[in-house]
Amino acid sequence: MKVNFDIECTPEEARRFLGLPDIAPMQERMMKELEERMAENLRALDPETLVKTWMPMTMNGWGEMQKMFWGQMGVNMPGEDSKTKKKTA
């Protein structure tokens, strides 16, 4: 035998019926504190630090990554000897 119940209630009504605590006030305080901390940290960052944080790879690192990619594809980078994989000029 199979019995189905459809109960229509709001999440707040379900929470109260099941005896769960109301965490909305705590969540609001935590979100406000999180916003304040993020705003404070953003104010403290200078543009140079911000760019270094977002882009940790240097241009040399990008070049190395590109060489590795092309090496995996079996293609020589411009200026490399096809047999020795060393720069020719």
PDB file of N, CA and C in Angstrom:
ATOM      1  N   MET A   1       0.844  -1.164   0.000  1.00  0.00           N
ATOM      2  CA  MET A   1       0.000   0.000   0.000  1.00  0.00           C
ATOM      3  C   MET A   1       0.898   1.239   0.000  1.00  0.00           C
ATOM      4  N   LYS A   2       0.527   2.203  -0.805  1.00  0.00           N
ATOM      5  CA  LYS A   2       1.332   3.401  -0.923  1.00  0.00           C
ATOM      6  C   LYS A   2       0.440   4.602  -0.632  1.00  0.00           C
ATOM      7  N   VAL A   3       0.940   5.473   0.266  1.00  0.00           N
ATOM      8  CA  VAL A   3       0.183   6.660   0.644  1.00  0.00           C
ATOM      9  C   VAL A   3       1.043   7.892   0.389  1.00  0.00           C
ATOM     10  N   ASN A   4       0.496   8.870  -0.268  1.00  0.00           N
ATOM     11  CA  ASN A   4       1.202  10.116  -0.538  1.00  0.00           C
ATOM     12  C   ASN A   4       0.496  11.260   0.158  1.00  0.00           C
ATOM     13  N   PHE A   5       1.276  12.154   0.739  1.00  0.00           N
ATOM     14  CA  PHE A   5       0.746  13.364   1.359  1.00  0.00           C
ATOM     15  C   PHE A   5       1.357  14.557   0.655  1.00  0.00           C
ATOM     16  N   ASP A   6       0.536  15.475   0.257  1.00  0.00           N
ATOM     17  CA  ASP A   6       1.011  16.741  -0.289  1.00  0.00           C
ATOM     18  C   ASP A   6       0.703  17.815   0.738  1.00  0.00           C
ATOM     19  N   ILE A   7       1.770  18.436   1.254  1.00  0.00           N
ATOM     20  CA  ILE A   7       1.602  19.471   2.263  1.00  0.00           C
ATOM     21  C   ILE A   7       2.108  20.777   1.675  1.00  0.00           C
ATOM     22  N   GLU A   8       1.249  21.757   1.699  1.00  0.00           N
ATOM     23  CA  GLU A   8       1.646  23.068   1.199  1.00  0.00           C
ATOM     24  C   GLU A   8       1.881  23.986   2.379  1.00  0.00           C
ATOM     25  N   CYS A   9       3.135  24.438   2.488  1.00  0.00           N
ATOM     26  CA  CYS A   9       3.470  25.376   3.547  1.00  0.00           C
ATOM     27  C   CYS A   9       4.720  26.138   3.134  1.00  0.00           C
ATOM     28  N   THR A  10       4.927  27.231   3.776  1.00  0.00           N
ATOM     29  CA  THR A  10       6.123  28.023   3.493  1.00  0.00           C
ATOM     30  C   THR A  10       7.316  27.396   4.223  1.00  0.00           C
ATOM     31  N   PRO A  11       8.522  27.722   3.806  1.00  0.00           N
ATOM     32  CA  PRO A  11       9.684  27.211   4.533  1.00  0.00           C
ATOM     33  C   PRO A  11       9.670  27.621   6.005  1.00  0.00           C
ATOM     34  N   GLU A  12       9.199  28.826   6.289  1.00  0.00           N
ATOM     35  CA  GLU A  12       9.108  29.294   7.676  1.00  0.00           C
ATOM     36  C   GLU A  12       8.141  28.429   8.480  1.00  0.00           C
ATOM     37  N   GLU A  13       6.995  28.080   7.897  1.00  0.00           N
ATOM     38  CA  GLU A  13       6.025  27.219   8.588  1.00  0.00           C
ATOM     39  C   GLU A  13       6.596  25.822   8.803  1.00  0.00           C
ATOM     40  N   ALA A  14       7.275  25.290   7.813  1.00  0.00           N
ATOM     41  CA  ALA A  14       7.886  23.962   7.949  1.00  0.00           C
ATOM     42  C   ALA A  14       8.957  23.971   9.028  1.00  0.00           C
ATOM     43  N   ARG A  15       9.764  25.031   9.070  1.00  0.00           N
ATOM     44  CA  ARG A  15      10.818  25.136  10.075  1.00  0.00           C
ATOM     45  C   ARG A  15      10.219  25.138  11.473  1.00  0.00           C
ATOM     46  N   ARG A  16       9.192  25.950  11.662  1.00  0.00           N
ATOM     47  CA  ARG A  16       8.561  26.012  12.986  1.00  0.00           C
ATOM     48  C   ARG A  16       7.912  24.677  13.354  1.00  0.00           C
ATOM     49  N   PHE A  17       7.240  24.033  12.391  1.00  0.00           N
ATOM     50  CA  PHE A  17       6.569  22.760  12.654  1.00  0.00           C
ATOM     51  C   PHE A  17       7.576  21.689  13.070  1.00  0.00           C
ATOM     52  N   LEU A  18       8.751  21.681  12.433  1.00  0.00           N
ATOM     53  CA  LEU A  18       9.765  20.681  12.755  1.00  0.00           C
ATOM     54  C   LEU A  18      10.628  21.062  13.952  1.00  0.00           C
ATOM     55  N   GLY A  19      10.435  22.268  14.476  1.00  0.00           N
ATOM     56  CA  GLY A  19      11.172  22.697  15.651  1.00  0.00           C
ATOM     57  C   GLY A  19      12.602  23.121  15.366  1.00  0.00           C
ATOM     58  N   LEU A  20      12.889  23.516  14.149  1.00  0.00           N
ATOM     59  CA  LEU A  20      14.233  23.947  13.801  1.00  0.00           C
ATOM     60  C   LEU A  20      14.442  25.401  14.210  1.00  0.00           C
ATOM     61  N   PRO A  21      15.664  25.765  14.566  1.00  0.00           N
ATOM     62  CA  PRO A  21      15.917  27.141  15.012  1.00  0.00           C
ATOM     63  C   PRO A  21      15.842  28.135  13.851  1.00  0.00           C
ATOM     64  N   ASP A  22      15.502  29.365  14.174  1.00  0.00           N
ATOM     65  CA  ASP A  22      15.452  30.432  13.188  1.00  0.00           C
ATOM     66  C   ASP A  22      16.844  31.062  13.104  1.00  0.00           C
ATOM     67  N   ILE A  23      17.530  30.820  12.007  1.00  0.00           N
ATOM     68  CA  ILE A  23      18.899  31.325  11.874  1.00  0.00           C
ATOM     69  C   ILE A  23      18.968  32.568  10.986  1.00  0.00           C
ATOM     70  N   ALA A  24      17.843  33.094  10.553  1.00  0.00           N
ATOM     71  CA  ALA A  24      17.840  34.267   9.672  1.00  0.00           C
ATOM     72  C   ALA A  24      18.558  35.461  10.296  1.00  0.00           C
ATOM     73  N   PRO A  25      18.314  35.803  11.580  1.00  0.00           N
ATOM     74  CA  PRO A  25      19.035  36.945  12.166  1.00  0.00           C
ATOM     75  C   PRO A  25      20.554  36.733  12.202  1.00  0.00           C
ATOM     76  N   MET A  26      20.981  35.515  12.526  1.00  0.00           N
ATOM     77  CA  MET A  26      22.409  35.214  12.558  1.00  0.00           C
ATOM     78  C   MET A  26      23.001  35.308  11.153  1.00  0.00           C
ATOM     79  N   GLN A  27      22.283  34.798  10.168  1.00  0.00           N
ATOM     80  CA  GLN A  27      22.756  34.842   8.794  1.00  0.00           C
ATOM     81  C   GLN A  27      22.891  36.294   8.312  1.00  0.00           C
ATOM     82  N   GLU A  28      21.944  37.135   8.664  1.00  0.00           N
ATOM     83  CA  GLU A  28      22.013  38.551   8.287  1.00  0.00           C
ATOM     84  C   GLU A  28      23.229  39.232   8.913  1.00  0.00           C
ATOM     85  N   ARG A  29      23.495  38.947  10.198  1.00  0.00           N
ATOM     86  CA  ARG A  29      24.673  39.528  10.855  1.00  0.00           C
ATOM     87  C   ARG A  29      25.961  39.059  10.194  1.00  0.00           C
ATOM     88  N   MET A  30      26.033  37.756   9.897  1.00  0.00           N
ATOM     89  CA  MET A  30      27.238  37.205   9.270  1.00  0.00           C
ATOM     90  C   MET A  30      27.465  37.803   7.880  1.00  0.00           C
ATOM     91  N   MET A  31      26.401  37.971   7.116  1.00  0.00           N
ATOM     92  CA  MET A  31      26.542  38.547   5.781  1.00  0.00           C
ATOM     93  C   MET A  31      26.989  40.006   5.865  1.00  0.00           C
ATOM     94  N   LYS A  32      26.462  40.744   6.837  1.00  0.00           N
ATOM     95  CA  LYS A  32      26.861  42.132   7.012  1.00  0.00           C
ATOM     96  C   LYS A  32      28.352  42.210   7.378  1.00  0.00           C
ATOM     97  N   GLU A  33      28.787  41.345   8.292  1.00  0.00           N
ATOM     98  CA  GLU A  33      30.195  41.317   8.696  1.00  0.00           C
ATOM     99  C   GLU A  33      31.087  40.927   7.523  1.00  0.00           C
ATOM    100  N   LEU A  34      30.644  39.957   6.734  1.00  0.00           N
ATOM    101  CA  LEU A  34      31.410  39.525   5.564  1.00  0.00           C
ATOM    102  C   LEU A  34      31.547  40.672   4.561  1.00  0.00           C
ATOM    103  N   GLU A  35      30.464  41.394   4.316  1.00  0.00           N
ATOM    104  CA  GLU A  35      30.518  42.544   3.412  1.00  0.00           C
ATOM    105  C   GLU A  35      31.496  43.600   3.915  1.00  0.00           C
ATOM    106  N   GLU A  36      31.452  43.880   5.208  1.00  0.00           N
ATOM    107  CA  GLU A  36      32.354  44.878   5.792  1.00  0.00           C
ATOM    108  C   GLU A  36      33.811  44.461   5.638  1.00  0.00           C
ATOM    109  N   ARG A  37      34.109  43.190   5.902  1.00  0.00           N
ATOM    110  CA  ARG A  37      35.483  42.700   5.781  1.00  0.00           C
ATOM    111  C   ARG A  37      35.965  42.766   4.337  1.00  0.00           C
ATOM    112  N   MET A  38      35.110  42.374   3.399  1.00  0.00           N
ATOM    113  CA  MET A  38      35.499  42.411   1.991  1.00  0.00           C
ATOM    114  C   MET A  38      35.755  43.849   1.536  1.00  0.00           C
ATOM    115  N   ALA A  39      34.889  44.773   1.938  1.00  0.00           N
ATOM    116  CA  ALA A  39      35.066  46.174   1.563  1.00  0.00           C
ATOM    117  C   ALA A  39      36.362  46.729   2.168  1.00  0.00           C
ATOM    118  N   GLU A  40      36.650  46.365   3.408  1.00  0.00           N
ATOM    119  CA  GLU A  40      37.877  46.825   4.067  1.00  0.00           C
ATOM    120  C   GLU A  40      39.115  46.289   3.347  1.00  0.00           C
ATOM    121  N   ASN A  41      39.085  45.020   2.965  1.00  0.00           N
ATOM    122  CA  ASN A  41      40.218  44.424   2.260  1.00  0.00           C
ATOM    123  C   ASN A  41      40.406  45.041   0.879  1.00  0.00           C
ATOM    124  N   LEU A  42      39.313  45.342   0.201  1.00  0.00           N
ATOM    125  CA  LEU A  42      39.427  45.965  -1.113  1.00  0.00           C
ATOM    126  C   LEU A  42      39.992  47.375  -1.004  1.00  0.00           C
ATOM    127  N   ARG A  43      39.620  48.097   0.039  1.00  0.00           N
ATOM    128  CA  ARG A  43      40.151  49.441   0.232  1.00  0.00           C
ATOM    129  C   ARG A  43      41.648  49.403   0.521  1.00  0.00           C
ATOM    130  N   ALA A  44      42.095  48.349   1.187  1.00  0.00           N
ATOM    131  CA  ALA A  44      43.496  48.245   1.581  1.00  0.00           C
ATOM    132  C   ALA A  44      44.407  47.839   0.418  1.00  0.00           C
ATOM    133  N   LEU A  45      43.846  47.236  -0.617  1.00  0.00           N
ATOM    134  CA  LEU A  45      44.666  46.778  -1.738  1.00  0.00           C
ATOM    135  C   LEU A  45      44.994  47.922  -2.685  1.00  0.00           C
ATOM    136  N   ASP A  46      46.247  48.026  -3.046  1.00  0.00           N
ATOM    137  CA  ASP A  46      46.627  48.978  -4.076  1.00  0.00           C
ATOM    138  C   ASP A  46      46.525  48.264  -5.432  1.00  0.00           C
ATOM    139  N   PRO A  47      46.440  49.004  -6.535  1.00  0.00           N
ATOM    140  CA  PRO A  47      46.250  48.379  -7.847  1.00  0.00           C
ATOM    141  C   PRO A  47      47.315  47.342  -8.198  1.00  0.00           C
ATOM    142  N   GLU A  48      48.573  47.598  -7.847  1.00  0.00           N
ATOM    143  CA  GLU A  48      49.640  46.655  -8.182  1.00  0.00           C
ATOM    144  C   GLU A  48      49.424  45.317  -7.477  1.00  0.00           C
ATOM    145  N   THR A  49      49.091  45.362  -6.191  1.00  0.00           N
ATOM    146  CA  THR A  49      48.846  44.130  -5.435  1.00  0.00           C
ATOM    147  C   THR A  49      47.634  43.399  -5.984  1.00  0.00           C
ATOM    148  N   LEU A  50      46.620  44.147  -6.354  1.00  0.00           N
ATOM    149  CA  LEU A  50      45.408  43.547  -6.899  1.00  0.00           C
ATOM    150  C   LEU A  50      45.718  42.788  -8.192  1.00  0.00           C
ATOM    151  N   VAL A  51      46.488  43.385  -9.078  1.00  0.00           N
ATOM    152  CA  VAL A  51      46.844  42.718 -10.331  1.00  0.00           C
ATOM    153  C   VAL A  51      47.698  41.494 -10.056  1.00  0.00           C
ATOM    154  N   LYS A  52      48.634  41.590  -9.120  1.00  0.00           N
ATOM    155  CA  LYS A  52      49.482  40.439  -8.787  1.00  0.00           C
ATOM    156  C   LYS A  52      48.646  39.298  -8.200  1.00  0.00           C
ATOM    157  N   THR A  53      47.621  39.638  -7.440  1.00  0.00           N
ATOM    158  CA  THR A  53      46.753  38.619  -6.852  1.00  0.00           C
ATOM    159  C   THR A  53      45.942  37.914  -7.924  1.00  0.00           C
ATOM    160  N   TRP A  54      45.404  38.684  -8.860  1.00  0.00           N
ATOM    161  CA  TRP A  54      44.556  38.107  -9.898  1.00  0.00           C
ATOM    162  C   TRP A  54      45.343  37.430 -11.004  1.00  0.00           C
ATOM    163  N   MET A  55      46.569  37.870 -11.250  1.00  0.00           N
ATOM    164  CA  MET A  55      47.369  37.323 -12.344  1.00  0.00           C
ATOM    165  C   MET A  55      48.728  36.885 -11.814  1.00  0.00           C
ATOM    166  N   PRO A  56      48.796  35.749 -11.139  1.00  0.00           N
ATOM    167  CA  PRO A  56      50.057  35.333 -10.528  1.00  0.00           C
ATOM    168  C   PRO A  56      51.117  34.921 -11.541  1.00  0.00           C
ATOM    169  N   MET A  57      50.712  34.550 -12.758  1.00  0.00           N
ATOM    170  CA  MET A  57      51.703  34.116 -13.743  1.00  0.00           C
ATOM    171  C   MET A  57      52.331  35.328 -14.415  1.00  0.00           C
ATOM    172  N   THR A  58      53.622  35.333 -14.496  1.00  0.00           N
ATOM    173  CA  THR A  58      54.314  36.422 -15.190  1.00  0.00           C
ATOM    174  C   THR A  58      54.264  36.163 -16.685  1.00  0.00           C
ATOM    175  N   MET A  59      54.697  37.134 -17.470  1.00  0.00           N
ATOM    176  CA  MET A  59      54.721  36.946 -18.919  1.00  0.00           C
ATOM    177  C   MET A  59      55.645  35.800 -19.297  1.00  0.00           C
ATOM    178  N   ASN A  60      56.744  35.623 -18.563  1.00  0.00           N
ATOM    179  CA  ASN A  60      57.645  34.499 -18.808  1.00  0.00           C
ATOM    180  C   ASN A  60      56.896  33.190 -18.572  1.00  0.00           C
ATOM    181  N   GLY A  61      56.090  33.148 -17.534  1.00  0.00           N
ATOM    182  CA  GLY A  61      55.294  31.959 -17.242  1.00  0.00           C
ATOM    183  C   GLY A  61      54.321  31.650 -18.366  1.00  0.00           C
ATOM    184  N   TRP A  62      53.716  32.689 -18.943  1.00  0.00           N
ATOM    185  CA  TRP A  62      52.801  32.490 -20.078  1.00  0.00           C
ATOM    186  C   TRP A  62      53.573  31.901 -21.257  1.00  0.00           C
ATOM    187  N   GLY A  63      54.785  32.407 -21.495  1.00  0.00           N
ATOM    188  CA  GLY A  63      55.599  31.888 -22.591  1.00  0.00           C
ATOM    189  C   GLY A  63      55.933  30.424 -22.401  1.00  0.00           C
ATOM    190  N   GLU A  64      56.287  30.057 -21.180  1.00  0.00           N
ATOM    191  CA  GLU A  64      56.599  28.660 -20.883  1.00  0.00           C
ATOM    192  C   GLU A  64      55.368  27.773 -21.073  1.00  0.00           C
ATOM    193  N   MET A  65      54.217  28.262 -20.656  1.00  0.00           N
ATOM    194  CA  MET A  65      52.993  27.492 -20.820  1.00  0.00           C
ATOM    195  C   MET A  65      52.676  27.307 -22.303  1.00  0.00           C
ATOM    196  N   GLN A  66      52.884  28.352 -23.103  1.00  0.00           N
ATOM    197  CA  GLN A  66      52.638  28.266 -24.532  1.00  0.00           C
ATOM    198  C   GLN A  66      53.603  27.267 -25.177  1.00  0.00           C
ATOM    199  N   LYS A  67      54.888  27.301 -24.778  1.00  0.00           N
ATOM    200  CA  LYS A  67      55.857  26.347 -25.311  1.00  0.00           C
ATOM    201  C   LYS A  67      55.442  24.910 -24.980  1.00  0.00           C
ATOM    202  N   MET A  68      54.999  24.695 -23.751  1.00  0.00           N
ATOM    203  CA  MET A  68      54.572  23.362 -23.348  1.00  0.00           C
ATOM    204  C   MET A  68      53.374  22.912 -24.176  1.00  0.00           C
ATOM    205  N   PHE A  69      52.428  23.821 -24.389  1.00  0.00           N
ATOM    206  CA  PHE A  69      51.241  23.497 -25.175  1.00  0.00           C
ATOM    207  C   PHE A  69      51.624  23.105 -26.598  1.00  0.00           C
ATOM    208  N   TRP A  70      52.435  23.944 -27.241  1.00  0.00           N
ATOM    209  CA  TRP A  70      52.828  23.652 -28.609  1.00  0.00           C
ATOM    210  C   TRP A  70      53.694  22.397 -28.672  1.00  0.00           C
ATOM    211  N   GLY A  71      54.506  22.154 -27.661  1.00  0.00           N
ATOM    212  CA  GLY A  71      55.307  20.940 -27.623  1.00  0.00           C
ATOM    213  C   GLY A  71      54.433  19.694 -27.582  1.00  0.00           C
ATOM    214  N   GLN A  72      53.350  19.749 -26.830  1.00  0.00           N
ATOM    215  CA  GLN A  72      52.420  18.624 -26.760  1.00  0.00           C
ATOM    216  C   GLN A  72      51.717  18.404 -28.095  1.00  0.00           C
ATOM    217  N   MET A  73      51.525  19.488 -28.838  1.00  0.00           N
ATOM    218  CA  MET A  73      50.855  19.394 -30.131  1.00  0.00           C
ATOM    219  C   MET A  73      51.827  18.970 -31.241  1.00  0.00           C
ATOM    220  N   GLY A  74      53.121  18.919 -30.935  1.00  0.00           N
ATOM    221  CA  GLY A  74      54.119  18.518 -31.925  1.00  0.00           C
ATOM    222  C   GLY A  74      54.490  19.639 -32.870  1.00  0.00           C
ATOM    223  N   VAL A  75      54.268  20.879 -32.464  1.00  0.00           N
ATOM    224  CA  VAL A  75      54.573  22.030 -33.307  1.00  0.00           C
ATOM    225  C   VAL A  75      55.740  22.789 -32.698  1.00  0.00           C
ATOM    226  N   ASN A  76      56.678  23.227 -33.518  1.00  0.00           N
ATOM    227  CA  ASN A  76      57.813  24.006 -33.039  1.00  0.00           C
ATOM    228  C   ASN A  76      57.421  25.458 -32.916  1.00  0.00           C
ATOM    229  N   MET A  77      57.942  26.085 -31.911  1.00  0.00           N
ATOM    230  CA  MET A  77      57.745  27.519 -31.753  1.00  0.00           C
ATOM    231  C   MET A  77      58.603  28.234 -32.792  1.00  0.00           C
ATOM    232  N   PRO A  78      58.184  29.418 -33.250  1.00  0.00           N
ATOM    233  CA  PRO A  78      59.023  30.165 -34.192  1.00  0.00           C
ATOM    234  C   PRO A  78      60.401  30.418 -33.589  1.00  0.00           C
ATOM    235  N   GLY A  79      61.455  30.177 -34.385  1.00  0.00           N
ATOM    236  CA  GLY A  79      62.814  30.403 -33.923  1.00  0.00           C
ATOM    237  C   GLY A  79      63.444  29.184 -33.268  1.00  0.00           C
ATOM    238  N   GLU A  80      62.764  28.031 -33.261  1.00  0.00           N
ATOM    239  CA  GLU A  80      63.336  26.810 -32.673  1.00  0.00           C
ATOM    240  C   GLU A  80      63.761  25.851 -33.772  1.00  0.00           C
ATOM    241  N   ASP A  81      64.843  25.153 -33.533  1.00  0.00           N
ATOM    242  CA  ASP A  81      65.309  24.132 -34.471  1.00  0.00           C
ATOM    243  C   ASP A  81      64.428  22.901 -34.308  1.00  0.00           C
ATOM    244  N   SER A  82      63.991  22.301 -35.391  1.00  0.00           N
ATOM    245  CA  SER A  82      63.049  21.185 -35.317  1.00  0.00           C
ATOM    246  C   SER A  82      63.665  19.923 -34.710  1.00  0.00           C
ATOM    247  N   LYS A  83      65.009  19.750 -34.803  1.00  0.00           N
ATOM    248  CA  LYS A  83      65.624  18.531 -34.284  1.00  0.00           C
ATOM    249  C   LYS A  83      66.059  18.658 -32.839  1.00  0.00           C
ATOM    250  N   THR A  84      66.597  19.807 -32.493  1.00  0.00           N
ATOM    251  CA  THR A  84      67.147  19.950 -31.134  1.00  0.00           C
ATOM    252  C   THR A  84      66.200  20.656 -30.195  1.00  0.00           C
ATOM    253  N   LYS A  85      65.164  21.292 -30.710  1.00  0.00           N
ATOM    254  CA  LYS A  85      64.207  22.027 -29.896  1.00  0.00           C
ATOM    255  C   LYS A  85      64.870  23.173 -29.143  1.00  0.00           C
ATOM    256  N   LYS A  86      65.955  23.704 -29.725  1.00  0.00           N
ATOM    257  CA  LYS A  86      66.629  24.843 -29.111  1.00  0.00           C
ATOM    258  C   LYS A  86      66.467  26.047 -30.020  1.00  0.00           C
ATOM    259  N   LYS A  87      66.522  27.207 -29.402  1.00  0.00           N
ATOM    260  CA  LYS A  87      66.394  28.446 -30.167  1.00  0.00           C
ATOM    261  C   LYS A  87      67.576  28.594 -31.103  1.00  0.00           C
ATOM    262  N   THR A  88      67.256  28.990 -32.360  1.00  0.00           N
ATOM    263  CA  THR A  88      68.322  29.136 -33.348  1.00  0.00           C
ATOM    264  C   THR A  88      68.875  30.550 -33.396  1.00  0.00           C
ATOM    265  N   ALA A  89      68.074  31.544 -33.117  1.00  0.00           N
ATOM    266  CA  ALA A  89      68.583  32.910 -33.151  1.00  0.00           C
ATOM    267  C   ALA A  89      67.945  33.754 -32.086  1.00  0.00           C
TER     268      ALA A  89
END
